[in-house]
Amino acid sequence: MTKAYQKLQSGPQTSIARSELNYDERADARVISVRGTTGLAQVNNPGKFTNVIYLEGDEEAAAELFADVNADLINAIDLSAKNVLQTSVPRQMYDLILNASGRREIRKYPTVVFERREDGTIWLIDRNRYETHVDRRYTTSETGSARVPPEVSIEDLYDQQGSVIAESDINSTTITGDVRQVLDYYRVASGYHCQPTTVDNGQLAIKKEF
């Protein structure tokens, strides 16, 4: 076992190259490496990023280290446009880095994913859709995704509704898309005490537990 591999067993590293590992060890090693992308505006290709090498299974710790050592460069990226980080790493790692850097807040539950953007917009997305249809997550024209605009507090919305909250109640707000994802979020997220039910010819709803 090489000394480099021993270091990686203790956590992701920035001062190790794959060439320092033997052939078998390289099979377990992964690298977060950001390369320049032709055609991107300078703000979305802000400079040279520090690589992070890690062992498979240590993705979250690697994303946290990468976000820490590249904080200034990540903060310079315009996330509303195609950017060098997005085009250089797998989507799962991109999400982990954005969450670790604070540029987005991402919370995964068994059936739904909560994602808050910097402008306050929240997306609530069916987890299977989030993980298997990465290019079609953020749409309100298909089932599986709901957009909560910045001016809507989903906490206040829950508190202001009656003992039963149905799809039609959410549809009466400025939330767009598949509002069933909002109801599912209330069902699985901590701080809400409710159970799923149906009303009015099978309309999905939740019933608060007092």
N, C-alpha and C. Protein backbone atom coordinates (compact mmCIF):
# COMPACT_ATOMS: atom_id res chain seq x y z
N MET A 1 0.84 -1.20 0.00
CA MET A 1 0.00 0.00 0.00
C MET A 1 0.88 1.25 0.00
N THR A 2 0.61 2.17 -0.91
CA THR A 2 1.41 3.40 -0.98
C THR A 2 1.03 4.36 0.14
N LYS A 3 1.94 5.27 0.45
CA LYS A 3 1.67 6.29 1.46
C LYS A 3 0.52 7.20 1.01
N ALA A 4 0.47 7.44 -0.29
CA ALA A 4 -0.60 8.28 -0.83
C ALA A 4 -1.97 7.65 -0.57
N TYR A 5 -2.07 6.35 -0.76
CA TYR A 5 -3.34 5.66 -0.53
C TYR A 5 -3.71 5.68 0.94
N GLN A 6 -2.71 5.55 1.80
CA GLN A 6 -2.97 5.62 3.24
C GLN A 6 -3.57 6.98 3.62
N LYS A 7 -3.05 8.02 3.01
CA LYS A 7 -3.59 9.36 3.28
C LYS A 7 -5.04 9.46 2.81
N LEU A 8 -5.32 8.87 1.65
CA LEU A 8 -6.68 8.93 1.12
C LEU A 8 -7.65 8.14 2.00
N GLN A 9 -7.17 7.13 2.67
CA GLN A 9 -8.05 6.39 3.57
C GLN A 9 -8.51 7.24 4.74
N SER A 10 -7.74 8.29 5.05
CA SER A 10 -8.12 9.19 6.13
C SER A 10 -9.04 10.30 5.65
N GLY A 11 -9.18 10.45 4.32
CA GLY A 11 -10.07 11.47 3.77
C GLY A 11 -9.54 12.02 2.47
N PRO A 12 -10.36 12.78 1.73
CA PRO A 12 -9.95 13.39 0.46
C PRO A 12 -8.73 14.30 0.65
N GLN A 13 -7.95 14.45 -0.44
CA GLN A 13 -6.70 15.20 -0.38
C GLN A 13 -6.57 16.13 -1.58
N THR A 14 -5.79 17.20 -1.41
CA THR A 14 -5.51 18.12 -2.53
C THR A 14 -4.06 18.02 -3.00
N SER A 15 -3.21 17.35 -2.26
CA SER A 15 -1.78 17.34 -2.56
C SER A 15 -1.29 16.01 -3.10
N ILE A 16 -2.23 15.18 -3.55
CA ILE A 16 -1.87 13.86 -4.07
C ILE A 16 -2.30 13.77 -5.53
N ALA A 17 -1.46 13.14 -6.36
CA ALA A 17 -1.78 12.89 -7.76
C ALA A 17 -2.04 11.40 -7.95
N ARG A 18 -2.85 11.07 -8.92
CA ARG A 18 -3.14 9.65 -9.19
C ARG A 18 -1.88 8.87 -9.50
N SER A 19 -0.88 9.53 -10.05
CA SER A 19 0.37 8.86 -10.40
C SER A 19 1.12 8.34 -9.18
N GLU A 20 0.78 8.84 -8.00
CA GLU A 20 1.42 8.37 -6.77
C GLU A 20 0.82 7.06 -6.27
N LEU A 21 -0.27 6.63 -6.86
CA LEU A 21 -0.93 5.39 -6.47
C LEU A 21 -0.50 4.25 -7.38
N ASN A 22 -0.54 3.02 -6.86
CA ASN A 22 -0.24 1.90 -7.74
C ASN A 22 -1.48 1.56 -8.58
N TYR A 23 -1.32 0.62 -9.49
CA TYR A 23 -2.37 0.33 -10.46
C TYR A 23 -3.69 -0.06 -9.78
N ASP A 24 -3.63 -0.96 -8.81
CA ASP A 24 -4.85 -1.41 -8.13
C ASP A 24 -5.50 -0.29 -7.34
N GLU A 25 -4.70 0.56 -6.72
CA GLU A 25 -5.24 1.65 -5.92
C GLU A 25 -5.95 2.69 -6.77
N ARG A 26 -5.48 2.87 -7.98
CA ARG A 26 -6.10 3.87 -8.86
C ARG A 26 -7.54 3.51 -9.21
N ALA A 27 -7.84 2.22 -9.16
CA ALA A 27 -9.21 1.79 -9.47
C ALA A 27 -10.20 2.31 -8.43
N ASP A 28 -9.74 2.59 -7.22
CA ASP A 28 -10.62 3.10 -6.16
C ASP A 28 -10.63 4.62 -6.08
N ALA A 29 -9.69 5.25 -6.78
CA ALA A 29 -9.53 6.70 -6.64
C ALA A 29 -10.38 7.47 -7.65
N ARG A 30 -10.90 8.61 -7.21
CA ARG A 30 -11.66 9.51 -8.07
C ARG A 30 -11.10 10.91 -7.90
N VAL A 31 -11.24 11.75 -8.92
CA VAL A 31 -10.69 13.10 -8.87
C VAL A 31 -11.76 14.12 -9.27
N ILE A 32 -11.89 15.17 -8.49
CA ILE A 32 -12.70 16.32 -8.89
C ILE A 32 -11.76 17.27 -9.60
N SER A 33 -11.90 17.37 -10.90
CA SER A 33 -11.00 18.18 -11.73
C SER A 33 -11.83 19.07 -12.63
N VAL A 34 -11.57 20.36 -12.60
CA VAL A 34 -12.32 21.32 -13.41
C VAL A 34 -11.42 21.83 -14.52
N ARG A 35 -11.87 21.66 -15.75
CA ARG A 35 -11.11 22.09 -16.91
C ARG A 35 -11.80 23.28 -17.56
N GLY A 36 -11.04 24.08 -18.26
CA GLY A 36 -11.63 25.20 -18.98
C GLY A 36 -12.58 24.73 -20.05
N THR A 37 -13.62 25.52 -20.30
CA THR A 37 -14.61 25.16 -21.31
C THR A 37 -14.67 26.25 -22.37
N THR A 38 -14.39 25.90 -23.58
CA THR A 38 -14.37 26.86 -24.68
C THR A 38 -15.74 27.52 -24.85
N GLY A 39 -15.74 28.83 -24.98
CA GLY A 39 -16.96 29.55 -25.27
C GLY A 39 -17.68 30.09 -24.06
N LEU A 40 -17.23 29.74 -22.86
CA LEU A 40 -17.89 30.25 -21.67
C LEU A 40 -17.40 31.65 -21.35
N ALA A 41 -18.32 32.49 -20.85
CA ALA A 41 -17.93 33.82 -20.40
C ALA A 41 -16.94 33.70 -19.25
N GLN A 42 -16.08 34.69 -19.08
CA GLN A 42 -15.04 34.62 -18.07
C GLN A 42 -15.61 34.39 -16.67
N VAL A 43 -16.77 35.00 -16.37
CA VAL A 43 -17.35 34.83 -15.04
C VAL A 43 -17.72 33.37 -14.77
N ASN A 44 -17.96 32.61 -15.83
CA ASN A 44 -18.28 31.20 -15.67
C ASN A 44 -17.10 30.30 -15.95
N ASN A 45 -15.93 30.89 -16.09
CA ASN A 45 -14.67 30.16 -16.22
C ASN A 45 -13.63 31.00 -15.49
N PRO A 46 -13.79 31.15 -14.16
CA PRO A 46 -13.09 32.21 -13.43
C PRO A 46 -11.62 31.98 -13.10
N GLY A 47 -11.10 30.79 -13.35
CA GLY A 47 -9.68 30.57 -13.04
C GLY A 47 -9.37 29.10 -12.82
N LYS A 48 -8.20 28.83 -12.30
CA LYS A 48 -7.73 27.46 -12.11
C LYS A 48 -8.19 26.92 -10.75
N PHE A 49 -8.94 25.85 -10.79
CA PHE A 49 -9.44 25.22 -9.58
C PHE A 49 -8.42 24.22 -9.03
N THR A 50 -8.40 24.06 -7.73
CA THR A 50 -7.56 23.05 -7.08
C THR A 50 -8.27 21.70 -7.14
N ASN A 51 -7.58 20.69 -7.64
CA ASN A 51 -8.15 19.35 -7.74
C ASN A 51 -8.28 18.71 -6.36
N VAL A 52 -9.22 17.82 -6.23
CA VAL A 52 -9.38 17.01 -5.02
C VAL A 52 -9.45 15.55 -5.43
N ILE A 53 -8.62 14.72 -4.81
CA ILE A 53 -8.63 13.28 -5.07
C ILE A 53 -9.23 12.58 -3.85
N TYR A 54 -10.01 11.55 -4.10
CA TYR A 54 -10.69 10.87 -2.99
C TYR A 54 -10.96 9.42 -3.39
N LEU A 55 -11.36 8.62 -2.41
CA LEU A 55 -11.71 7.23 -2.67
C LEU A 55 -13.20 7.11 -2.91
N GLU A 56 -13.58 6.21 -3.78
CA GLU A 56 -14.99 5.99 -4.09
C GLU A 56 -15.77 5.77 -2.80
N GLY A 57 -16.91 6.43 -2.67
CA GLY A 57 -17.72 6.36 -1.48
C GLY A 57 -17.53 7.55 -0.55
N ASP A 58 -16.52 8.38 -0.85
CA ASP A 58 -16.21 9.54 -0.01
C ASP A 58 -16.61 10.84 -0.71
N GLU A 59 -17.67 10.78 -1.52
CA GLU A 59 -18.05 11.91 -2.37
C GLU A 59 -18.42 13.16 -1.57
N GLU A 60 -19.19 13.00 -0.51
CA GLU A 60 -19.64 14.18 0.24
C GLU A 60 -18.47 14.91 0.87
N ALA A 61 -17.55 14.17 1.47
CA ALA A 61 -16.37 14.80 2.08
C ALA A 61 -15.51 15.46 1.00
N ALA A 62 -15.42 14.84 -0.17
CA ALA A 62 -14.64 15.41 -1.26
C ALA A 62 -15.26 16.72 -1.73
N ALA A 63 -16.58 16.75 -1.84
CA ALA A 63 -17.28 17.97 -2.27
C ALA A 63 -17.07 19.08 -1.25
N GLU A 64 -17.09 18.75 0.02
CA GLU A 64 -16.88 19.76 1.07
C GLU A 64 -15.47 20.33 1.00
N LEU A 65 -14.48 19.48 0.80
CA LEU A 65 -13.11 19.96 0.69
C LEU A 65 -12.94 20.81 -0.57
N PHE A 66 -13.49 20.35 -1.68
CA PHE A 66 -13.39 21.10 -2.93
C PHE A 66 -14.03 22.47 -2.79
N ALA A 67 -15.21 22.52 -2.17
CA ALA A 67 -15.89 23.80 -1.97
C ALA A 67 -15.08 24.73 -1.08
N ASP A 68 -14.39 24.18 -0.11
CA ASP A 68 -13.60 24.99 0.82
C ASP A 68 -12.38 25.59 0.13
N VAL A 69 -11.62 24.76 -0.59
CA VAL A 69 -10.37 25.24 -1.17
C VAL A 69 -10.59 26.06 -2.44
N ASN A 70 -11.80 25.99 -3.01
CA ASN A 70 -12.10 26.74 -4.23
C ASN A 70 -13.24 27.74 -4.03
N ALA A 71 -13.41 28.19 -2.79
CA ALA A 71 -14.56 29.02 -2.44
C ALA A 71 -14.67 30.28 -3.31
N ASP A 72 -13.59 31.00 -3.50
CA ASP A 72 -13.65 32.25 -4.26
C ASP A 72 -14.05 32.01 -5.71
N LEU A 73 -13.51 30.95 -6.30
CA LEU A 73 -13.83 30.65 -7.70
C LEU A 73 -15.28 30.20 -7.85
N ILE A 74 -15.75 29.39 -6.92
CA ILE A 74 -17.15 28.94 -6.98
C ILE A 74 -18.10 30.12 -6.82
N ASN A 75 -17.76 31.04 -5.93
CA ASN A 75 -18.62 32.21 -5.70
C ASN A 75 -18.67 33.13 -6.91
N ALA A 76 -17.67 33.04 -7.79
CA ALA A 76 -17.63 33.89 -8.97
C ALA A 76 -18.46 33.36 -10.12
N ILE A 77 -18.95 32.13 -10.00
CA ILE A 77 -19.70 31.50 -11.08
C ILE A 77 -21.15 31.97 -11.10
N ASP A 78 -21.67 32.22 -12.29
CA ASP A 78 -23.08 32.53 -12.49
C ASP A 78 -23.82 31.21 -12.69
N LEU A 79 -24.56 30.78 -11.67
CA LEU A 79 -25.21 29.48 -11.72
C LEU A 79 -26.43 29.45 -12.64
N SER A 80 -26.89 30.62 -13.06
CA SER A 80 -28.06 30.65 -13.94
C SER A 80 -27.70 30.32 -15.38
N ALA A 81 -26.39 30.21 -15.66
CA ALA A 81 -25.94 29.91 -17.02
C ALA A 81 -25.02 28.69 -17.00
N LYS A 82 -24.78 28.14 -18.16
CA LYS A 82 -23.84 27.03 -18.28
C LYS A 82 -22.48 27.47 -17.75
N ASN A 83 -21.86 26.67 -16.91
CA ASN A 83 -20.61 27.08 -16.30
C ASN A 83 -19.57 25.96 -16.31
N VAL A 84 -18.33 26.33 -16.04
CA VAL A 84 -17.21 25.41 -16.16
C VAL A 84 -17.29 24.27 -15.15
N LEU A 85 -17.83 24.54 -13.97
CA LEU A 85 -17.98 23.47 -12.97
C LEU A 85 -19.02 22.46 -13.43
N GLN A 86 -20.12 22.96 -13.93
CA GLN A 86 -21.21 22.10 -14.40
C GLN A 86 -20.77 21.19 -15.53
N THR A 87 -19.92 21.70 -16.41
CA THR A 87 -19.50 20.91 -17.58
C THR A 87 -18.31 20.01 -17.29
N SER A 88 -17.73 20.10 -16.08
CA SER A 88 -16.52 19.33 -15.78
C SER A 88 -16.74 18.15 -14.85
N VAL A 89 -17.82 18.16 -14.08
CA VAL A 89 -18.03 17.10 -13.09
C VAL A 89 -19.39 16.45 -13.29
N PRO A 90 -19.57 15.20 -12.82
CA PRO A 90 -20.88 14.56 -12.92
C PRO A 90 -21.93 15.36 -12.16
N ARG A 91 -23.18 15.23 -12.58
CA ARG A 91 -24.23 16.06 -12.00
C ARG A 91 -24.37 15.83 -10.49
N GLN A 92 -24.22 14.59 -10.04
CA GLN A 92 -24.33 14.32 -8.61
C GLN A 92 -23.27 15.08 -7.82
N MET A 93 -22.04 15.11 -8.35
CA MET A 93 -20.98 15.84 -7.68
C MET A 93 -21.22 17.34 -7.76
N TYR A 94 -21.73 17.82 -8.86
CA TYR A 94 -22.07 19.24 -9.01
C TYR A 94 -23.06 19.67 -7.93
N ASP A 95 -24.09 18.85 -7.72
CA ASP A 95 -25.08 19.15 -6.68
C ASP A 95 -24.44 19.17 -5.31
N LEU A 96 -23.58 18.20 -5.04
CA LEU A 96 -22.91 18.13 -3.74
C LEU A 96 -22.03 19.35 -3.49
N ILE A 97 -21.33 19.80 -4.52
CA ILE A 97 -20.45 20.96 -4.39
C ILE A 97 -21.26 22.23 -4.15
N LEU A 98 -22.34 22.40 -4.89
CA LEU A 98 -23.18 23.59 -4.70
C LEU A 98 -23.77 23.63 -3.29
N ASN A 99 -24.19 22.47 -2.81
CA ASN A 99 -24.74 22.40 -1.46
C ASN A 99 -23.66 22.69 -0.42
N ALA A 100 -22.47 22.11 -0.60
CA ALA A 100 -21.37 22.30 0.35
C ALA A 100 -20.88 23.75 0.36
N SER A 101 -20.97 24.41 -0.78
CA SER A 101 -20.49 25.79 -0.89
C SER A 101 -21.50 26.81 -0.39
N GLY A 102 -22.75 26.36 -0.20
CA GLY A 102 -23.81 27.27 0.21
C GLY A 102 -24.47 27.99 -0.95
N ARG A 103 -24.07 27.69 -2.17
CA ARG A 103 -24.70 28.34 -3.32
C ARG A 103 -26.12 27.82 -3.54
N ARG A 104 -26.40 26.62 -3.09
CA ARG A 104 -27.75 26.07 -3.09
C ARG A 104 -27.92 25.23 -1.83
N GLU A 105 -29.16 25.18 -1.36
CA GLU A 105 -29.48 24.29 -0.24
C GLU A 105 -30.25 23.12 -0.80
N ILE A 106 -29.69 21.93 -0.66
CA ILE A 106 -30.30 20.72 -1.22
C ILE A 106 -30.51 19.72 -0.09
N ARG A 107 -31.76 19.30 0.07
CA ARG A 107 -32.09 18.30 1.08
C ARG A 107 -32.87 17.17 0.40
N LYS A 108 -32.37 15.96 0.56
CA LYS A 108 -33.00 14.80 -0.06
C LYS A 108 -33.78 13.99 0.97
N TYR A 109 -35.03 13.70 0.62
CA TYR A 109 -35.89 12.85 1.42
C TYR A 109 -36.19 11.58 0.60
N PRO A 110 -36.78 10.58 1.22
CA PRO A 110 -37.00 9.32 0.48
C PRO A 110 -37.73 9.49 -0.85
N THR A 111 -38.69 10.43 -0.92
CA THR A 111 -39.51 10.53 -2.13
C THR A 111 -39.47 11.89 -2.81
N VAL A 112 -38.87 12.88 -2.17
CA VAL A 112 -38.86 14.23 -2.74
C VAL A 112 -37.55 14.92 -2.39
N VAL A 113 -37.13 15.83 -3.26
CA VAL A 113 -35.91 16.61 -3.03
C VAL A 113 -36.28 18.08 -2.91
N PHE A 114 -35.75 18.73 -1.89
CA PHE A 114 -35.94 20.16 -1.64
C PHE A 114 -34.69 20.87 -2.13
N GLU A 115 -34.85 21.87 -2.98
CA GLU A 115 -33.71 22.66 -3.45
C GLU A 115 -34.06 24.14 -3.41
N ARG A 116 -33.30 24.90 -2.60
CA ARG A 116 -33.52 26.34 -2.50
C ARG A 116 -32.40 27.07 -3.25
N ARG A 117 -32.80 27.97 -4.14
CA ARG A 117 -31.85 28.77 -4.91
C ARG A 117 -31.46 30.04 -4.15
N GLU A 118 -30.45 30.73 -4.63
CA GLU A 118 -29.97 31.93 -3.96
C GLU A 118 -31.00 33.05 -3.95
N ASP A 119 -31.89 33.08 -4.92
CA ASP A 119 -32.91 34.13 -4.96
C ASP A 119 -34.13 33.80 -4.10
N GLY A 120 -34.09 32.66 -3.43
CA GLY A 120 -35.19 32.26 -2.57
C GLY A 120 -36.17 31.30 -3.21
N THR A 121 -36.06 31.09 -4.51
CA THR A 121 -36.92 30.13 -5.20
C THR A 121 -36.66 28.72 -4.67
N ILE A 122 -37.72 27.97 -4.45
CA ILE A 122 -37.60 26.58 -4.00
C ILE A 122 -38.18 25.66 -5.07
N TRP A 123 -37.45 24.59 -5.35
CA TRP A 123 -37.96 23.52 -6.20
C TRP A 123 -38.19 22.29 -5.34
N LEU A 124 -39.35 21.68 -5.48
CA LEU A 124 -39.67 20.42 -4.83
C LEU A 124 -39.88 19.40 -5.94
N ILE A 125 -39.01 18.39 -5.97
CA ILE A 125 -38.94 17.50 -7.12
C ILE A 125 -38.99 16.04 -6.67
N ASP A 126 -39.81 15.27 -7.33
CA ASP A 126 -39.85 13.83 -7.09
C ASP A 126 -38.44 13.27 -7.13
N ARG A 127 -38.05 12.51 -6.12
CA ARG A 127 -36.64 12.11 -6.03
C ARG A 127 -36.18 11.26 -7.21
N ASN A 128 -37.03 10.37 -7.67
CA ASN A 128 -36.65 9.55 -8.82
C ASN A 128 -36.41 10.43 -10.05
N ARG A 129 -37.27 11.41 -10.25
CA ARG A 129 -37.08 12.34 -11.37
C ARG A 129 -35.79 13.13 -11.19
N TYR A 130 -35.54 13.58 -9.97
CA TYR A 130 -34.35 14.39 -9.68
C TYR A 130 -33.08 13.63 -10.02
N GLU A 131 -33.04 12.35 -9.73
CA GLU A 131 -31.81 11.59 -9.89
C GLU A 131 -31.68 10.91 -11.25
N THR A 132 -32.79 10.68 -11.94
CA THR A 132 -32.70 9.97 -13.21
C THR A 132 -33.01 10.84 -14.43
N HIS A 133 -33.58 12.03 -14.22
CA HIS A 133 -33.88 12.93 -15.33
C HIS A 133 -33.25 14.30 -15.03
N VAL A 134 -31.93 14.31 -14.90
CA VAL A 134 -31.24 15.51 -14.42
C VAL A 134 -31.41 16.71 -15.34
N ASP A 135 -31.66 16.48 -16.61
CA ASP A 135 -31.83 17.59 -17.55
C ASP A 135 -33.28 18.08 -17.64
N ARG A 136 -34.17 17.41 -16.90
CA ARG A 136 -35.58 17.79 -16.94
C ARG A 136 -36.14 17.97 -15.54
N ARG A 137 -35.27 18.33 -14.60
CA ARG A 137 -35.73 18.54 -13.22
C ARG A 137 -36.59 19.78 -13.09
N TYR A 138 -36.12 20.86 -13.71
CA TYR A 138 -36.67 22.18 -13.41
C TYR A 138 -37.66 22.61 -14.49
N THR A 139 -38.84 22.03 -14.41
CA THR A 139 -39.90 22.36 -15.36
C THR A 139 -41.23 22.31 -14.64
N THR A 140 -42.13 23.20 -15.01
CA THR A 140 -43.47 23.19 -14.42
C THR A 140 -44.51 22.67 -15.41
N SER A 141 -44.04 22.20 -16.55
CA SER A 141 -44.97 21.73 -17.58
C SER A 141 -45.13 20.21 -17.56
N GLU A 142 -44.42 19.54 -16.67
CA GLU A 142 -44.51 18.09 -16.56
C GLU A 142 -44.74 17.71 -15.10
N THR A 143 -45.19 16.48 -14.87
CA THR A 143 -45.40 16.03 -13.50
C THR A 143 -44.06 15.77 -12.82
N GLY A 144 -44.05 15.91 -11.50
CA GLY A 144 -42.86 15.58 -10.74
C GLY A 144 -42.08 16.75 -10.21
N SER A 145 -42.40 17.98 -10.62
CA SER A 145 -41.65 19.16 -10.18
C SER A 145 -42.59 20.31 -9.86
N ALA A 146 -42.32 20.97 -8.73
CA ALA A 146 -43.10 22.16 -8.34
C ALA A 146 -42.15 23.30 -8.03
N ARG A 147 -42.52 24.50 -8.47
CA ARG A 147 -41.71 25.69 -8.23
C ARG A 147 -42.42 26.60 -7.23
N VAL A 148 -41.73 26.89 -6.13
CA VAL A 148 -42.28 27.78 -5.10
C VAL A 148 -41.55 29.11 -5.22
N PRO A 149 -42.23 30.19 -5.62
CA PRO A 149 -41.56 31.47 -5.82
C PRO A 149 -41.07 32.06 -4.49
N PRO A 150 -40.09 32.97 -4.55
CA PRO A 150 -39.48 33.52 -3.33
C PRO A 150 -40.46 34.15 -2.35
N GLU A 151 -41.54 34.70 -2.86
CA GLU A 151 -42.47 35.41 -1.98
C GLU A 151 -43.39 34.47 -1.20
N VAL A 152 -43.33 33.18 -1.49
CA VAL A 152 -44.18 32.21 -0.79
C VAL A 152 -43.34 31.46 0.24
N SER A 153 -43.80 31.46 1.48
CA SER A 153 -43.18 30.66 2.55
C SER A 153 -43.95 29.36 2.68
N ILE A 154 -43.30 28.25 2.43
CA ILE A 154 -44.02 26.98 2.53
C ILE A 154 -44.36 26.66 3.98
N GLU A 155 -43.57 27.20 4.91
CA GLU A 155 -43.90 27.01 6.33
C GLU A 155 -45.18 27.78 6.69
N ASP A 156 -45.24 29.05 6.29
CA ASP A 156 -46.44 29.85 6.57
C ASP A 156 -47.66 29.28 5.85
N LEU A 157 -47.46 28.80 4.64
CA LEU A 157 -48.58 28.23 3.89
C LEU A 157 -49.18 27.06 4.65
N TYR A 158 -48.33 26.22 5.18
CA TYR A 158 -48.81 25.07 5.96
C TYR A 158 -49.60 25.53 7.17
N ASP A 159 -49.06 26.51 7.89
CA ASP A 159 -49.71 26.99 9.12
C ASP A 159 -51.04 27.69 8.83
N GLN A 160 -51.12 28.36 7.69
CA GLN A 160 -52.31 29.16 7.39
C GLN A 160 -53.48 28.33 6.85
N GLN A 161 -53.18 27.14 6.38
CA GLN A 161 -54.24 26.28 5.84
C GLN A 161 -54.97 25.58 6.98
N GLY A 162 -56.13 25.02 6.66
CA GLY A 162 -56.93 24.32 7.65
C GLY A 162 -56.36 22.96 8.00
N SER A 163 -57.17 22.13 8.62
CA SER A 163 -56.70 20.82 9.08
C SER A 163 -56.42 19.87 7.92
N VAL A 164 -57.04 20.12 6.77
CA VAL A 164 -56.79 19.33 5.57
C VAL A 164 -56.30 20.26 4.47
N ILE A 165 -55.20 19.89 3.85
CA ILE A 165 -54.65 20.67 2.73
C ILE A 165 -54.70 19.80 1.49
N ALA A 166 -55.40 20.24 0.48
CA ALA A 166 -55.57 19.47 -0.75
C ALA A 166 -54.83 20.13 -1.91
N GLU A 167 -54.75 19.38 -3.01
CA GLU A 167 -54.11 19.92 -4.22
C GLU A 167 -54.71 21.26 -4.61
N SER A 168 -56.01 21.38 -4.54
CA SER A 168 -56.68 22.61 -4.95
C SER A 168 -56.26 23.79 -4.09
N ASP A 169 -55.95 23.54 -2.82
CA ASP A 169 -55.50 24.62 -1.94
C ASP A 169 -54.14 25.15 -2.39
N ILE A 170 -53.26 24.25 -2.79
CA ILE A 170 -51.94 24.67 -3.26
C ILE A 170 -52.06 25.33 -4.63
N ASN A 171 -52.96 24.81 -5.46
CA ASN A 171 -53.16 25.39 -6.79
C ASN A 171 -53.68 26.81 -6.74
N SER A 172 -54.30 27.18 -5.64
CA SER A 172 -54.84 28.54 -5.51
C SER A 172 -53.76 29.57 -5.16
N THR A 173 -52.54 29.10 -4.93
CA THR A 173 -51.41 29.99 -4.64
C THR A 173 -50.62 30.25 -5.92
N THR A 174 -49.49 30.93 -5.81
CA THR A 174 -48.64 31.19 -6.97
C THR A 174 -47.61 30.09 -7.20
N ILE A 175 -47.72 29.00 -6.43
CA ILE A 175 -46.86 27.83 -6.68
C ILE A 175 -47.29 27.20 -8.00
N THR A 176 -46.33 26.85 -8.84
CA THR A 176 -46.63 26.29 -10.15
C THR A 176 -46.04 24.89 -10.29
N GLY A 177 -46.59 24.16 -11.26
CA GLY A 177 -46.10 22.82 -11.52
C GLY A 177 -46.93 21.77 -10.81
N ASP A 178 -46.30 20.66 -10.48
CA ASP A 178 -46.98 19.52 -9.86
C ASP A 178 -47.05 19.75 -8.35
N VAL A 179 -48.15 20.34 -7.88
CA VAL A 179 -48.27 20.73 -6.48
C VAL A 179 -48.32 19.54 -5.54
N ARG A 180 -48.49 18.34 -6.06
CA ARG A 180 -48.46 17.16 -5.22
C ARG A 180 -47.10 17.01 -4.54
N GLN A 181 -46.05 17.56 -5.17
CA GLN A 181 -44.73 17.50 -4.56
C GLN A 181 -44.66 18.33 -3.28
N VAL A 182 -45.44 19.40 -3.21
CA VAL A 182 -45.51 20.21 -1.99
C VAL A 182 -46.15 19.39 -0.88
N LEU A 183 -47.25 18.72 -1.19
CA LEU A 183 -47.91 17.88 -0.20
C LEU A 183 -47.01 16.75 0.26
N ASP A 184 -46.25 16.18 -0.68
CA ASP A 184 -45.33 15.10 -0.31
C ASP A 184 -44.21 15.62 0.58
N TYR A 185 -43.76 16.84 0.32
CA TYR A 185 -42.73 17.44 1.17
C TYR A 185 -43.25 17.60 2.59
N TYR A 186 -44.46 18.08 2.75
CA TYR A 186 -45.03 18.21 4.09
C TYR A 186 -45.10 16.85 4.78
N ARG A 187 -45.38 15.83 4.00
CA ARG A 187 -45.53 14.48 4.57
C ARG A 187 -44.21 13.94 5.11
N VAL A 188 -43.08 14.22 4.42
CA VAL A 188 -41.82 13.56 4.78
C VAL A 188 -40.84 14.45 5.53
N ALA A 189 -40.98 15.77 5.44
CA ALA A 189 -40.01 16.67 6.07
C ALA A 189 -40.29 16.80 7.57
N SER A 190 -39.25 17.05 8.32
CA SER A 190 -39.42 17.23 9.76
C SER A 190 -40.11 18.57 10.03
N GLY A 191 -40.84 18.64 11.14
CA GLY A 191 -41.52 19.88 11.51
C GLY A 191 -42.97 19.93 11.10
N TYR A 192 -43.40 18.98 10.27
CA TYR A 192 -44.80 18.93 9.85
C TYR A 192 -45.39 17.60 10.35
N HIS A 193 -46.54 17.68 10.94
CA HIS A 193 -47.15 16.48 11.49
C HIS A 193 -48.46 16.25 10.75
N CYS A 194 -48.41 15.34 9.79
CA CYS A 194 -49.59 15.11 8.95
C CYS A 194 -49.53 13.72 8.35
N GLN A 195 -50.65 13.31 7.80
CA GLN A 195 -50.78 12.02 7.14
C GLN A 195 -51.43 12.21 5.78
N PRO A 196 -51.07 11.39 4.79
CA PRO A 196 -51.70 11.52 3.47
C PRO A 196 -53.14 11.06 3.49
N THR A 197 -53.96 11.69 2.68
CA THR A 197 -55.37 11.31 2.56
C THR A 197 -55.85 11.74 1.17
N THR A 198 -57.09 11.55 0.90
CA THR A 198 -57.68 12.01 -0.37
C THR A 198 -59.00 12.70 -0.07
N VAL A 199 -59.37 13.62 -0.95
CA VAL A 199 -60.65 14.33 -0.84
C VAL A 199 -61.20 14.53 -2.25
N ASP A 200 -62.49 14.83 -2.34
CA ASP A 200 -63.11 15.25 -3.60
C ASP A 200 -62.70 14.39 -4.79
N ASN A 201 -63.27 13.22 -4.86
CA ASN A 201 -63.05 12.34 -6.01
C ASN A 201 -61.58 11.96 -6.19
N GLY A 202 -60.92 11.68 -5.11
CA GLY A 202 -59.55 11.17 -5.20
C GLY A 202 -58.46 12.21 -5.21
N GLN A 203 -58.80 13.47 -5.00
CA GLN A 203 -57.78 14.52 -4.98
C GLN A 203 -56.82 14.29 -3.81
N LEU A 204 -55.53 14.33 -4.08
CA LEU A 204 -54.52 14.09 -3.05
C LEU A 204 -54.55 15.21 -2.01
N ALA A 205 -54.35 14.85 -0.73
CA ALA A 205 -54.35 15.83 0.33
C ALA A 205 -53.55 15.29 1.51
N ILE A 206 -53.33 16.15 2.49
CA ILE A 206 -52.74 15.74 3.75
C ILE A 206 -53.65 16.21 4.88
N LYS A 207 -53.67 15.47 5.97
CA LYS A 207 -54.46 15.83 7.13
C LYS A 207 -53.52 16.08 8.30
N LYS A 208 -53.62 17.25 8.88
CA LYS A 208 -52.73 17.59 10.00
C LYS A 208 -53.10 16.77 11.23
N GLU A 209 -52.06 16.46 12.01
CA GLU A 209 -52.25 15.76 13.27
C GLU A 209 -51.98 16.73 14.40
N PHE A 210 -52.94 16.96 15.24
CA PHE A 210 -52.80 17.92 16.33
C PHE A 210 -52.57 17.20 17.65
